[in-house]
C-alpha atoms as a PDB file:
ATOM      1  CA  UNK A   1      20.422  21.021 -39.206  1.00  0.00           C
ATOM      2  CA  UNK A   2      22.415  19.542 -42.391  1.00  0.00           C
ATOM      3  CA  UNK A   3      26.162  19.850 -42.688  1.00  0.00           C
ATOM      4  CA  UNK A   4      25.497  19.224 -46.415  1.00  0.00           C
ATOM      5  CA  UNK A   5      22.114  19.951 -48.043  1.00  0.00           C
ATOM      6  CA  UNK A   6      19.839  19.262 -51.241  1.00  0.00           C
ATOM      7  CA  UNK A   7      17.928  18.431 -52.855  1.00  0.00           C
ATOM      8  CA  UNK A   8      15.526  17.341 -56.672  1.00  0.00           C
ATOM      9  CA  UNK A   9      11.538  18.001 -57.432  1.00  0.00           C
ATOM     10  CA  UNK A  10      11.136  14.335 -58.937  1.00  0.00           C
ATOM     11  CA  UNK A  11       7.367  14.280 -59.794  1.00  0.00           C
ATOM     12  CA  UNK A  12       6.055  15.307 -57.315  1.00  0.00           C
ATOM     13  CA  UNK A  13       7.636  14.028 -54.388  1.00  0.00           C
ATOM     14  CA  UNK A  14      10.449  16.857 -52.789  1.00  0.00           C
ATOM     15  CA  UNK A  15      13.768  14.094 -53.134  1.00  0.00           C
ATOM     16  CA  UNK A  16      16.303  15.593 -50.450  1.00  0.00           C
ATOM     17  CA  UNK A  17      19.528  14.598 -49.677  1.00  0.00           C
ATOM     18  CA  UNK A  18      22.012  15.698 -46.988  1.00  0.00           C
ATOM     19  CA  UNK A  19      24.690  14.542 -44.235  1.00  0.00           C
ATOM     20  CA  UNK A  20      22.862  15.628 -40.642  1.00  0.00           C
ATOM     21  CA  UNK A  21      25.130  16.842 -37.459  1.00  0.00           C
ATOM     22  CA  UNK A  22      24.433  14.092 -35.357  1.00  0.00           C
ATOM     23  CA  UNK A  23      22.945  11.386 -35.754  1.00  0.00           C
ATOM     24  CA  UNK A  24      21.824   9.871 -31.796  1.00  0.00           C
ATOM     25  CA  UNK A  25      18.260  10.050 -32.650  1.00  0.00           C
ATOM     26  CA  UNK A  26      18.951   7.069 -35.648  1.00  0.00           C
ATOM     27  CA  UNK A  27      18.120   4.707 -33.333  1.00  0.00           C
ATOM     28  CA  UNK A  28      16.010   5.352 -30.297  1.00  0.00           C
ATOM     29  CA  UNK A  29      15.225   2.391 -29.365  1.00  0.00           C
ATOM     30  CA  UNK A  30      18.617   1.080 -29.526  1.00  0.00           C
ATOM     31  CA  UNK A  31      19.908   3.671 -27.290  1.00  0.00           C
ATOM     32  CA  UNK A  32      21.749   2.569 -24.885  1.00  0.00           C
ATOM     33  CA  UNK A  33      21.671   4.554 -22.703  1.00  0.00           C
ATOM     34  CA  UNK A  34      17.281   3.301 -22.418  1.00  0.00           C
ATOM     35  CA  UNK A  35      18.667  -0.052 -20.429  1.00  0.00           C
ATOM     36  CA  UNK A  36      20.151   1.261 -17.653  1.00  0.00           C
ATOM     37  CA  UNK A  37      18.911   0.643 -14.492  1.00  0.00           C
ATOM     38  CA  UNK A  38      17.514   3.027 -13.404  1.00  0.00           C
ATOM     39  CA  UNK A  39      19.197   5.405 -10.672  1.00  0.00           C
ATOM     40  CA  UNK A  40      22.810   5.277 -10.195  1.00  0.00           C
ATOM     41  CA  UNK A  41      24.935   2.046  -9.970  1.00  0.00           C
ATOM     42  CA  UNK A  42      24.446   0.115  -7.100  1.00  0.00           C
ATOM     43  CA  UNK A  43      28.373  -0.521  -7.357  1.00  0.00           C
ATOM     44  CA  UNK A  44      28.006   2.806  -5.361  1.00  0.00           C
ATOM     45  CA  UNK A  45      26.844   3.268  -1.851  1.00  0.00           C
ATOM     46  CA  UNK A  46      24.039   5.188  -3.194  1.00  0.00           C
ATOM     47  CA  UNK A  47      22.675   2.644  -5.567  1.00  0.00           C
ATOM     48  CA  UNK A  48      23.485   0.005  -3.001  1.00  0.00           C
ATOM     49  CA  UNK A  49      21.264   1.620  -0.254  1.00  0.00           C
ATOM     50  CA  UNK A  50      18.191   2.291  -3.683  1.00  0.00           C
ATOM     51  CA  UNK A  51      18.345  -1.571  -4.045  1.00  0.00           C
ATOM     52  CA  UNK A  52      17.367  -2.140  -1.217  1.00  0.00           C
ATOM     53  CA  UNK A  53      14.993   0.355  -0.397  1.00  0.00           C
ATOM     54  CA  UNK A  54      13.161  -0.541  -3.649  1.00  0.00           C
ATOM     55  CA  UNK A  55      13.287  -4.393  -3.765  1.00  0.00           C
ATOM     56  CA  UNK A  56      11.038  -3.978  -0.436  1.00  0.00           C
ATOM     57  CA  UNK A  57       8.948  -1.827  -2.541  1.00  0.00           C
ATOM     58  CA  UNK A  58       9.410   1.610  -1.407  1.00  0.00           C
ATOM     59  CA  UNK A  59       8.830   2.491   2.576  1.00  0.00           C
ATOM     60  CA  UNK A  60       6.036   1.283   5.481  1.00  0.00           C
ATOM     61  CA  UNK A  61       3.311   4.332   5.842  1.00  0.00           C
ATOM     62  CA  UNK A  62       2.533   4.681   9.470  1.00  0.00           C
ATOM     63  CA  UNK A  63      -1.020   5.865   7.922  1.00  0.00           C
ATOM     64  CA  UNK A  64      -1.311   2.808   6.481  1.00  0.00           C
ATOM     65  CA  UNK A  65      -3.035   0.159   9.152  1.00  0.00           C
ATOM     66  CA  UNK A  66      -5.642  -1.850  10.032  1.00  0.00           C
ATOM     67  CA  UNK A  67      -7.490  -3.478  13.059  1.00  0.00           C
ATOM     68  CA  UNK A  68      -9.653  -6.415  13.169  1.00  0.00           C
ATOM     69  CA  UNK A  69     -10.662  -6.897  17.213  1.00  0.00           C
ATOM     70  CA  UNK A  70     -11.528 -10.375  18.024  1.00  0.00           C
ATOM     71  CA  UNK A  71     -14.152 -10.308  20.454  1.00  0.00           C
ATOM     72  CA  UNK A  72     -14.315 -12.829  23.780  1.00  0.00           C
ATOM     73  CA  UNK A  73     -16.764 -15.157  24.655  1.00  0.00           C
ATOM     74  CA  UNK A  74     -18.285 -13.466  26.949  1.00  0.00           C
ATOM     75  CA  UNK A  75     -19.383 -10.807  24.825  1.00  0.00           C
ATOM     76  CA  UNK A  76     -22.172 -11.719  23.512  1.00  0.00           C
ATOM     77  CA  UNK A  77     -23.515 -10.994  19.361  1.00  0.00           C
ATOM     78  CA  UNK A  78     -26.332  -8.775  20.514  1.00  0.00           C
ATOM     79  CA  UNK A  79     -25.033  -7.658  23.623  1.00  0.00           C
ATOM     80  CA  UNK A  80     -24.003  -4.389  22.480  1.00  0.00           C
ATOM     81  CA  UNK A  81     -27.363  -4.032  20.807  1.00  0.00           C
ATOM     82  CA  UNK A  82     -29.169  -4.251  23.973  1.00  0.00           C
ATOM     83  CA  UNK A  83     -26.315  -1.167  25.706  1.00  0.00           C
ATOM     84  CA  UNK A  84     -30.065   1.091  25.490  1.00  0.00           C
ATOM     85  CA  UNK A  85     -33.088   1.158  26.806  1.00  0.00           C
ATOM     86  CA  UNK A  86     -35.577   0.059  24.593  1.00  0.00           C
ATOM     87  CA  UNK A  87     -37.511   3.276  24.567  1.00  0.00           C
ATOM     88  CA  UNK A  88     -33.746   4.929  23.861  1.00  0.00           C
ATOM     89  CA  UNK A  89     -33.073   2.496  20.891  1.00  0.00           C
ATOM     90  CA  UNK A  90     -36.927   2.959  18.766  1.00  0.00           C
ATOM     91  CA  UNK A  91     -35.440   6.359  19.007  1.00  0.00           C
ATOM     92  CA  UNK A  92     -31.785   5.739  17.194  1.00  0.00           C
ATOM     93  CA  UNK A  93     -35.105   4.171  14.098  1.00  0.00           C
ATOM     94  CA  UNK A  94     -32.481   0.820  14.254  1.00  0.00           C
ATOM     95  CA  UNK A  95     -28.685   3.156  14.112  1.00  0.00           C
ATOM     96  CA  UNK A  96     -27.349   1.118  16.463  1.00  0.00           C
ATOM     97  CA  UNK A  97     -25.608  -2.216  14.915  1.00  0.00           C
ATOM     98  CA  UNK A  98     -25.163  -5.247  16.365  1.00  0.00           C
ATOM     99  CA  UNK A  99     -21.463  -6.442  17.431  1.00  0.00           C
ATOM    100  CA  UNK A 100     -20.773  -7.815  14.317  1.00  0.00           C
ATOM    101  CA  UNK A 101     -21.016  -4.811  12.660  1.00  0.00           C
ATOM    102  CA  UNK A 102     -19.738  -2.653  15.029  1.00  0.00           C
ATOM    103  CA  UNK A 103     -17.121  -4.985  15.194  1.00  0.00           C
ATOM    104  CA  UNK A 104     -16.381  -4.315  11.449  1.00  0.00           C
ATOM    105  CA  UNK A 105     -17.270  -0.825  10.690  1.00  0.00           C
ATOM    106  CA  UNK A 106     -14.126   0.119  14.419  1.00  0.00           C
ATOM    107  CA  UNK A 107     -11.779  -0.519  11.057  1.00  0.00           C
ATOM    108  CA  UNK A 108     -12.217   2.575  10.414  1.00  0.00           C
ATOM    109  CA  UNK A 109     -12.927   4.146  13.157  1.00  0.00           C
ATOM    110  CA  UNK A 110      -8.850   3.484  14.787  1.00  0.00           C
ATOM    111  CA  UNK A 111      -7.065   6.860  14.823  1.00  0.00           C
ATOM    112  CA  UNK A 112      -4.004   5.428  15.739  1.00  0.00           C
ATOM    113  CA  UNK A 113      -2.526   2.464  17.811  1.00  0.00           C
ATOM    114  CA  UNK A 114       0.970   1.394  19.379  1.00  0.00           C
ATOM    115  CA  UNK A 115       2.508  -2.423  17.562  1.00  0.00           C
ATOM    116  CA  UNK A 116       3.980  -3.988  20.344  1.00  0.00           C
ATOM    117  CA  UNK A 117       6.798  -5.424  20.767  1.00  0.00           C
ATOM    118  CA  UNK A 118       9.534  -8.202  22.006  1.00  0.00           C
ATOM    119  CA  UNK A 119      12.203  -7.507  25.654  1.00  0.00           C
ATOM    120  CA  UNK A 120      14.604 -10.640  25.570  1.00  0.00           C
ATOM    121  CA  UNK A 121      15.777 -11.194  29.142  1.00  0.00           C
ATOM    122  CA  UNK A 122      19.353 -11.450  30.017  1.00  0.00           C
ATOM    123  CA  UNK A 123      21.353 -12.148  33.109  1.00  0.00           C
ATOM    124  CA  UNK A 124      24.965 -10.603  33.681  1.00  0.00           C
ATOM    125  CA  UNK A 125      27.597 -13.818  33.204  1.00  0.00           C
ATOM    126  CA  UNK A 126      31.464 -13.529  34.402  1.00  0.00           C
ATOM    127  CA  UNK A 127      33.998 -15.276  34.246  1.00  0.00           C
ATOM    128  CA  UNK A 128      37.156 -13.149  33.242  1.00  0.00           C
ATOM    129  CA  UNK A 129      37.034 -10.145  31.502  1.00  0.00           C
ATOM    130  CA  UNK A 130      33.661  -7.898  30.328  1.00  0.00           C
ATOM    131  CA  UNK A 131      30.372  -9.513  31.226  1.00  0.00           C
ATOM    132  CA  UNK A 132      28.028 -11.268  29.203  1.00  0.00           C
ATOM    133  CA  UNK A 133      24.627 -10.945  28.653  1.00  0.00           C
ATOM    134  CA  UNK A 134      22.141 -14.142  28.221  1.00  0.00           C
ATOM    135  CA  UNK A 135      19.609 -14.207  27.371  1.00  0.00           C
ATOM    136  CA  UNK A 136      17.236 -16.632  30.038  1.00  0.00           C
ATOM    137  CA  UNK A 137      13.875 -15.424  28.183  1.00  0.00           C
ATOM    138  CA  UNK A 138      11.430 -12.996  26.507  1.00  0.00           C
ATOM    139  CA  UNK A 139       8.959 -10.631  27.825  1.00  0.00           C
ATOM    140  CA  UNK A 140       5.970  -8.100  26.526  1.00  0.00           C
ATOM    141  CA  UNK A 141       4.995  -4.673  27.280  1.00  0.00           C
ATOM    142  CA  UNK A 142       1.573  -6.331  28.453  1.00  0.00           C
ATOM    143  CA  UNK A 143      -0.320  -3.281  27.232  1.00  0.00           C
ATOM    144  CA  UNK A 144      -1.362  -0.714  24.467  1.00  0.00           C
ATOM    145  CA  UNK A 145      -2.674   2.474  23.777  1.00  0.00           C
ATOM    146  CA  UNK A 146      -5.324   2.537  21.361  1.00  0.00           C
ATOM    147  CA  UNK A 147      -6.945   6.370  20.021  1.00  0.00           C
ATOM    148  CA  UNK A 148     -10.968   5.801  18.610  1.00  0.00           C
ATOM    149  CA  UNK A 149     -13.309   8.074  16.765  1.00  0.00           C
ATOM    150  CA  UNK A 150     -16.465   8.019  17.873  1.00  0.00           C
ATOM    151  CA  UNK A 151     -19.148   8.913  16.282  1.00  0.00           C
ATOM    152  CA  UNK A 152     -22.492  10.989  17.573  1.00  0.00           C
ATOM    153  CA  UNK A 153     -24.283   7.859  19.095  1.00  0.00           C
ATOM    154  CA  UNK A 154     -20.443   7.239  20.970  1.00  0.00           C
ATOM    155  CA  UNK A 155     -21.420   3.334  19.901  1.00  0.00           C
ATOM    156  CA  UNK A 156     -17.726   2.946  19.450  1.00  0.00           C
ATOM    157  CA  UNK A 157     -16.795   3.878  23.160  1.00  0.00           C
ATOM    158  CA  UNK A 158     -19.960   1.034  23.632  1.00  0.00           C
ATOM    159  CA  UNK A 159     -18.720  -1.320  22.031  1.00  0.00           C
ATOM    160  CA  UNK A 160     -15.199  -1.416  25.090  1.00  0.00           C
ATOM    161  CA  UNK A 161     -18.360  -0.680  27.843  1.00  0.00           C
ATOM    162  CA  UNK A 162     -19.644  -4.195  27.149  1.00  0.00           C
ATOM    163  CA  UNK A 163     -15.825  -5.553  26.535  1.00  0.00           C
ATOM    164  CA  UNK A 164     -15.714  -4.451  30.235  1.00  0.00           C
ATOM    165  CA  UNK A 165     -18.703  -5.877  31.228  1.00  0.00           C
ATOM    166  CA  UNK A 166     -18.155  -8.868  30.663  1.00  0.00           C
ATOM    167  CA  UNK A 167     -14.939  -9.086  33.039  1.00  0.00           C
ATOM    168  CA  UNK A 168     -17.473  -8.386  35.670  1.00  0.00           C
ATOM    169  CA  UNK A 169     -20.766  -8.540  37.368  1.00  0.00           C
ATOM    170  CA  UNK A 170     -21.359  -4.945  37.680  1.00  0.00           C
ATOM    171  CA  UNK A 171     -24.387  -5.115  40.204  1.00  0.00           C
ATOM    172  CA  UNK A 172     -22.966  -7.719  42.631  1.00  0.00           C
ATOM    173  CA  UNK A 173     -19.308  -6.964  41.644  1.00  0.00           C
ATOM    174  CA  UNK A 174     -18.436 -10.544  41.174  1.00  0.00           C
ATOM    175  CA  UNK A 175     -15.402 -10.921  38.733  1.00  0.00           C
ATOM    176  CA  UNK A 176     -16.100 -13.374  35.378  1.00  0.00           C
ATOM    177  CA  UNK A 177     -13.589 -15.955  34.530  1.00  0.00           C
ATOM    178  CA  UNK A 178     -10.356 -15.184  32.724  1.00  0.00           C
ATOM    179  CA  UNK A 179     -12.047 -17.188  29.151  1.00  0.00           C
ATOM    180  CA  UNK A 180     -15.291 -15.285  29.296  1.00  0.00           C
ATOM    181  CA  UNK A 181     -13.148 -11.645  29.018  1.00  0.00           C
ATOM    182  CA  UNK A 182     -10.196 -12.376  27.223  1.00  0.00           C
ATOM    183  CA  UNK A 183     -10.249 -11.952  23.450  1.00  0.00           C
ATOM    184  CA  UNK A 184      -7.273 -10.911  20.993  1.00  0.00           C
ATOM    185  CA  UNK A 185      -6.445  -8.801  18.076  1.00  0.00           C
ATOM    186  CA  UNK A 186      -4.443  -7.967  14.863  1.00  0.00           C
ATOM    187  CA  UNK A 187      -2.574  -4.725  13.776  1.00  0.00           C
ATOM    188  CA  UNK A 188      -2.364  -4.932  10.169  1.00  0.00           C
ATOM    189  CA  UNK A 189       1.283  -2.976   8.269  1.00  0.00           C
ATOM    190  CA  UNK A 190      -1.265  -2.289   4.890  1.00  0.00           C
ATOM    191  CA  UNK A 191       0.925  -1.579   0.892  1.00  0.00           C
ATOM    192  CA  UNK A 192      -0.133  -0.750  -2.223  1.00  0.00           C
ATOM    193  CA  UNK A 193       0.787  -3.888  -4.184  1.00  0.00           C
ATOM    194  CA  UNK A 194       1.084  -3.821  -8.416  1.00  0.00           C
ATOM    195  CA  UNK A 195      -1.305  -6.498  -9.156  1.00  0.00           C
ATOM    196  CA  UNK A 196      -3.244  -5.219  -7.375  1.00  0.00           C
ATOM    197  CA  UNK A 197      -4.021  -2.675  -8.949  1.00  0.00           C
ATOM    198  CA  UNK A 198      -2.078  -0.980  -6.669  1.00  0.00           C
ATOM    199  CA  UNK A 199      -4.783  -1.228  -3.782  1.00  0.00           C
ATOM    200  CA  UNK A 200      -4.032  -1.665   0.379  1.00  0.00           C
ATOM    201  CA  UNK A 201      -3.250  -5.238   1.103  1.00  0.00           C
ATOM    202  CA  UNK A 202      -1.253  -6.879   4.222  1.00  0.00           C
ATOM    203  CA  UNK A 203       2.056  -6.268   3.685  1.00  0.00           C
ATOM    204  CA  UNK A 204       2.790  -7.696   7.555  1.00  0.00           C
ATOM    205  CA  UNK A 205       0.395  -8.639  10.750  1.00  0.00           C
ATOM    206  CA  UNK A 206       1.083  -9.204  14.326  1.00  0.00           C
ATOM    207  CA  UNK A 207      -2.007 -11.028  16.724  1.00  0.00           C
ATOM    208  CA  UNK A 208      -2.420 -10.281  20.562  1.00  0.00           C
ATOM    209  CA  UNK A 209      -3.456 -12.752  22.606  1.00  0.00           C
ATOM    210  CA  UNK A 210      -5.406 -12.881  26.050  1.00  0.00           C
ATOM    211  CA  UNK A 211      -6.457  -8.895  25.160  1.00  0.00           C
ATOM    212  CA  UNK A 212      -8.948  -6.739  27.451  1.00  0.00           C
ATOM    213  CA  UNK A 213      -9.671  -3.344  27.196  1.00  0.00           C
ATOM    214  CA  UNK A 214      -8.011  -2.635  30.551  1.00  0.00           C
ATOM    215  CA  UNK A 215      -8.845   1.603  31.106  1.00  0.00           C
ATOM    216  CA  UNK A 216     -11.353   3.456  29.080  1.00  0.00           C
ATOM    217  CA  UNK A 217     -10.349   7.136  29.226  1.00  0.00           C
ATOM    218  CA  UNK A 218     -12.524  10.144  29.612  1.00  0.00           C
ATOM    219  CA  UNK A 219     -14.534  11.734  27.196  1.00  0.00           C
ATOM    220  CA  UNK A 220     -13.928  15.247  27.515  1.00  0.00           C
ATOM    221  CA  UNK A 221     -16.008  18.584  26.721  1.00  0.00           C
ATOM    222  CA  UNK A 222     -15.627  22.317  25.352  1.00  0.00           C
ATOM    223  CA  UNK A 223     -17.427  24.611  24.039  1.00  0.00           C
ATOM    224  CA  UNK A 224     -14.733  26.096  22.104  1.00  0.00           C
ATOM    225  CA  UNK A 225     -13.585  22.302  20.884  1.00  0.00           C
ATOM    226  CA  UNK A 226     -15.942  23.897  17.976  1.00  0.00           C
ATOM    227  CA  UNK A 227     -14.477  21.421  14.782  1.00  0.00           C
ATOM    228  CA  UNK A 228     -13.608  19.186  16.248  1.00  0.00           C
ATOM    229  CA  UNK A 229     -13.593  15.362  16.876  1.00  0.00           C
ATOM    230  CA  UNK A 230     -14.854  13.746  20.418  1.00  0.00           C
ATOM    231  CA  UNK A 231     -11.696  10.277  20.543  1.00  0.00           C
ATOM    232  CA  UNK A 232     -11.222   8.521  23.387  1.00  0.00           C
ATOM    233  CA  UNK A 233      -8.148   6.770  24.758  1.00  0.00           C
ATOM    234  CA  UNK A 234      -8.093   2.562  25.005  1.00  0.00           C
ATOM    235  CA  UNK A 235      -5.900   0.961  26.976  1.00  0.00           C
ATOM    236  CA  UNK A 236      -6.252  -2.732  25.842  1.00  0.00           C
ATOM    237  CA  UNK A 237      -3.918  -5.494  28.304  1.00  0.00           C
ATOM    238  CA  UNK A 238      -2.353  -8.727  26.406  1.00  0.00           C
ATOM    239  CA  UNK A 239      -0.736 -11.331  27.164  1.00  0.00           C
ATOM    240  CA  UNK A 240       1.520 -12.051  23.868  1.00  0.00           C
ATOM    241  CA  UNK A 241       1.691 -11.995  20.837  1.00  0.00           C
ATOM    242  CA  UNK A 242       3.335 -13.805  17.179  1.00  0.00           C
ATOM    243  CA  UNK A 243       4.296 -12.357  14.580  1.00  0.00           C
ATOM    244  CA  UNK A 244       1.018 -13.590  11.406  1.00  0.00           C
ATOM    245  CA  UNK A 245       3.488 -13.779   8.473  1.00  0.00           C
ATOM    246  CA  UNK A 246       6.426 -15.377   9.841  1.00  0.00           C
ATOM    247  CA  UNK A 247       5.362 -17.251  13.081  1.00  0.00           C
ATOM    248  CA  UNK A 248       2.556 -18.871  10.899  1.00  0.00           C
ATOM    249  CA  UNK A 249       3.015 -18.571   7.294  1.00  0.00           C
ATOM    250  CA  UNK A 250       6.367 -18.986   7.381  1.00  0.00           C
ATOM    251  CA  UNK A 251       7.062 -17.043   5.095  1.00  0.00           C
ATOM    252  CA  UNK A 252       6.436 -13.464   3.561  1.00  0.00           C
ATOM    253  CA  UNK A 253       6.780 -11.198   0.481  1.00  0.00           C
ATOM    254  CA  UNK A 254      10.118  -8.798   0.142  1.00  0.00           C
ATOM    255  CA  UNK A 255       9.523  -8.173  -3.191  1.00  0.00           C
ATOM    256  CA  UNK A 256      11.872  -7.817  -6.133  1.00  0.00           C
ATOM    257  CA  UNK A 257      14.585  -5.082  -7.811  1.00  0.00           C
ATOM    258  CA  UNK A 258      15.579  -2.481 -10.264  1.00  0.00           C
ATOM    259  CA  UNK A 259      13.524  -3.191 -13.346  1.00  0.00           C
ATOM    260  CA  UNK A 260      14.432  -2.930 -16.863  1.00  0.00           C
ATOM    261  CA  UNK A 261      12.651  -0.824 -18.791  1.00  0.00           C
ATOM    262  CA  UNK A 262      11.342  -1.905 -21.901  1.00  0.00           C
ATOM    263  CA  UNK A 263      10.588   0.567 -25.256  1.00  0.00           C
ATOM    264  CA  UNK A 264       8.650  -0.370 -26.896  1.00  0.00           C
ATOM    265  CA  UNK A 265       9.054   0.868 -31.201  1.00  0.00           C
ATOM    266  CA  UNK A 266       5.068   2.319 -33.252  1.00  0.00           C
ATOM    267  CA  UNK A 267       3.893  -0.133 -35.517  1.00  0.00           C
ATOM    268  CA  UNK A 268       5.591   0.494 -38.848  1.00  0.00           C
ATOM    269  CA  UNK A 269       4.346  -2.371 -41.170  1.00  0.00           C
ATOM    270  CA  UNK A 270       6.000  -3.750 -43.402  1.00  0.00           C
ATOM    271  CA  UNK A 271       7.261  -0.845 -45.841  1.00  0.00           C
ATOM    272  CA  UNK A 272       8.083   1.642 -43.096  1.00  0.00           C
ATOM    273  CA  UNK A 273      10.363  -1.880 -41.901  1.00  0.00           C
ATOM    274  CA  UNK A 274      12.406  -1.398 -45.122  1.00  0.00           C
ATOM    275  CA  UNK A 275      12.490   1.554 -44.734  1.00  0.00           C
ATOM    276  CA  UNK A 276      14.343   1.704 -41.436  1.00  0.00           C
ATOM    277  CA  UNK A 277      17.213  -0.277 -42.972  1.00  0.00           C
ATOM    278  CA  UNK A 278      17.682   2.222 -45.528  1.00  0.00           C
ATOM    279  CA  UNK A 279      20.751   5.444 -44.558  1.00  0.00           C
ATOM    280  CA  UNK A 280      19.759   8.116 -42.808  1.00  0.00           C
ATOM    281  CA  UNK A 281      19.786  10.314 -45.971  1.00  0.00           C
ATOM    282  CA  UNK A 282      17.138   8.703 -47.703  1.00  0.00           C
ATOM    283  CA  UNK A 283      15.295   7.429 -45.033  1.00  0.00           C
ATOM    284  CA  UNK A 284      13.731  10.736 -44.935  1.00  0.00           C
ATOM    285  CA  UNK A 285      12.544  10.559 -48.238  1.00  0.00           C
ATOM    286  CA  UNK A 286      11.183   7.754 -48.139  1.00  0.00           C
ATOM    287  CA  UNK A 287       9.196   8.648 -45.869  1.00  0.00           C
ATOM    288  CA  UNK A 288       8.235  11.717 -47.634  1.00  0.00           C
ATOM    289  CA  UNK A 289       7.240   9.023 -51.128  1.00  0.00           C
ATOM    290  CA  UNK A 290       4.717   7.000 -48.134  1.00  0.00           C
ATOM    291  CA  UNK A 291       3.715   9.638 -46.778  1.00  0.00           C
ATOM    292  CA  UNK A 292       1.827  10.769 -50.032  1.00  0.00           C
ATOM    293  CA  UNK A 293       0.800   7.989 -51.293  1.00  0.00           C
ATOM    294  CA  UNK A 294      -1.107   7.487 -47.932  1.00  0.00           C
ATOM    295  CA  UNK A 295      -3.100  10.616 -49.250  1.00  0.00           C
ATOM    296  CA  UNK A 296      -3.591   9.612 -53.122  1.00  0.00           C
ATOM    297  CA  UNK A 297      -4.897   6.365 -52.610  1.00  0.00           C
ATOM    298  CA  UNK A 298      -9.070   6.588 -52.694  1.00  0.00           C
ATOM    299  CA  UNK A 299      -8.852   5.204 -49.124  1.00  0.00           C
ATOM    300  CA  UNK A 300      -6.973   7.813 -47.788  1.00  0.00           C
ATOM    301  CA  UNK A 301      -8.008  11.174 -49.648  1.00  0.00           C
ATOM    302  CA  UNK A 302     -11.414  10.263 -47.920  1.00  0.00           C
ATOM    303  CA  UNK A 303      -9.846   9.587 -44.630  1.00  0.00           C
ATOM    304  CA  UNK A 304      -7.256  11.818 -44.398  1.00  0.00           C
ATOM    305  CA  UNK A 305      -4.328   9.359 -44.564  1.00  0.00           C
ATOM    306  CA  UNK A 306      -5.902   8.004 -40.779  1.00  0.00           C
ATOM    307  CA  UNK A 307      -6.530   4.906 -43.197  1.00  0.00           C
ATOM    308  CA  UNK A 308      -4.868   2.847 -45.911  1.00  0.00           C
ATOM    309  CA  UNK A 309      -3.942   0.093 -47.012  1.00  0.00           C
ATOM    310  CA  UNK A 310      -1.786  -2.519 -45.098  1.00  0.00           C
ATOM    311  CA  UNK A 311       1.648  -2.998 -45.721  1.00  0.00           C
ATOM    312  CA  UNK A 312       2.099   1.120 -44.512  1.00  0.00           C
END
């Protein structure tokens, strides 16, 4: 609503002038408020915390992970396919895949896994005053637990059973060489990246060395568990692990901080650009004239103003 308003009809145009009460929308693109950084100011405590979170591009999610298995030399490519007898395998009609295929499929069946930790071993030292803890080495937990979903053939359990069979001979009970049954395991933290259309990409990863399935849990059955998916728990022993991104590549992506928004104005043509330079009191009248011309010219009259000559 204008403070003072008046108008006159000249020809086919209604020319109205007035003094507006509010000029806050006269130059929306130049509004300083749109140039502010999202969130509180970085000088405040909460602002610095939000800036730190934004630099890491959000928080890691415990359900965004992937596991890769590196099998030992004692597990052959066709050993999984030979778990069942020829007669029983023919019944499956080719459903039981080879080791490499199950190895890839296990990524989707891993329900949960523990990423291992690391300890610094210390000894107490004291000469005078409070004692000091001096690092004299480092150690690892040595075991992690993994929960795995099973399909109706329990092929995932067969996978770990064959891995265990690489460690001993079931007929003679002889134990095989260490290198024949120890493999590796890679655990990845995943995250969505804007540069990859928000698809998951590896953001962090560890590799465990000299792994083998030490314990495979029993499979429990119950008539009351009608809607429950069968799972097995596997305890994997390992010797040590490294941070793949840090210890091998030497660097990793940390992301960026807050980004200032960019306000993009509409394409108004040459005439529209000139109208924006007029005082606010005359700008509306000029736009009414231009809109009328758009619908009166031959092309605009046919298209209802949707198609009009250039410069408008």
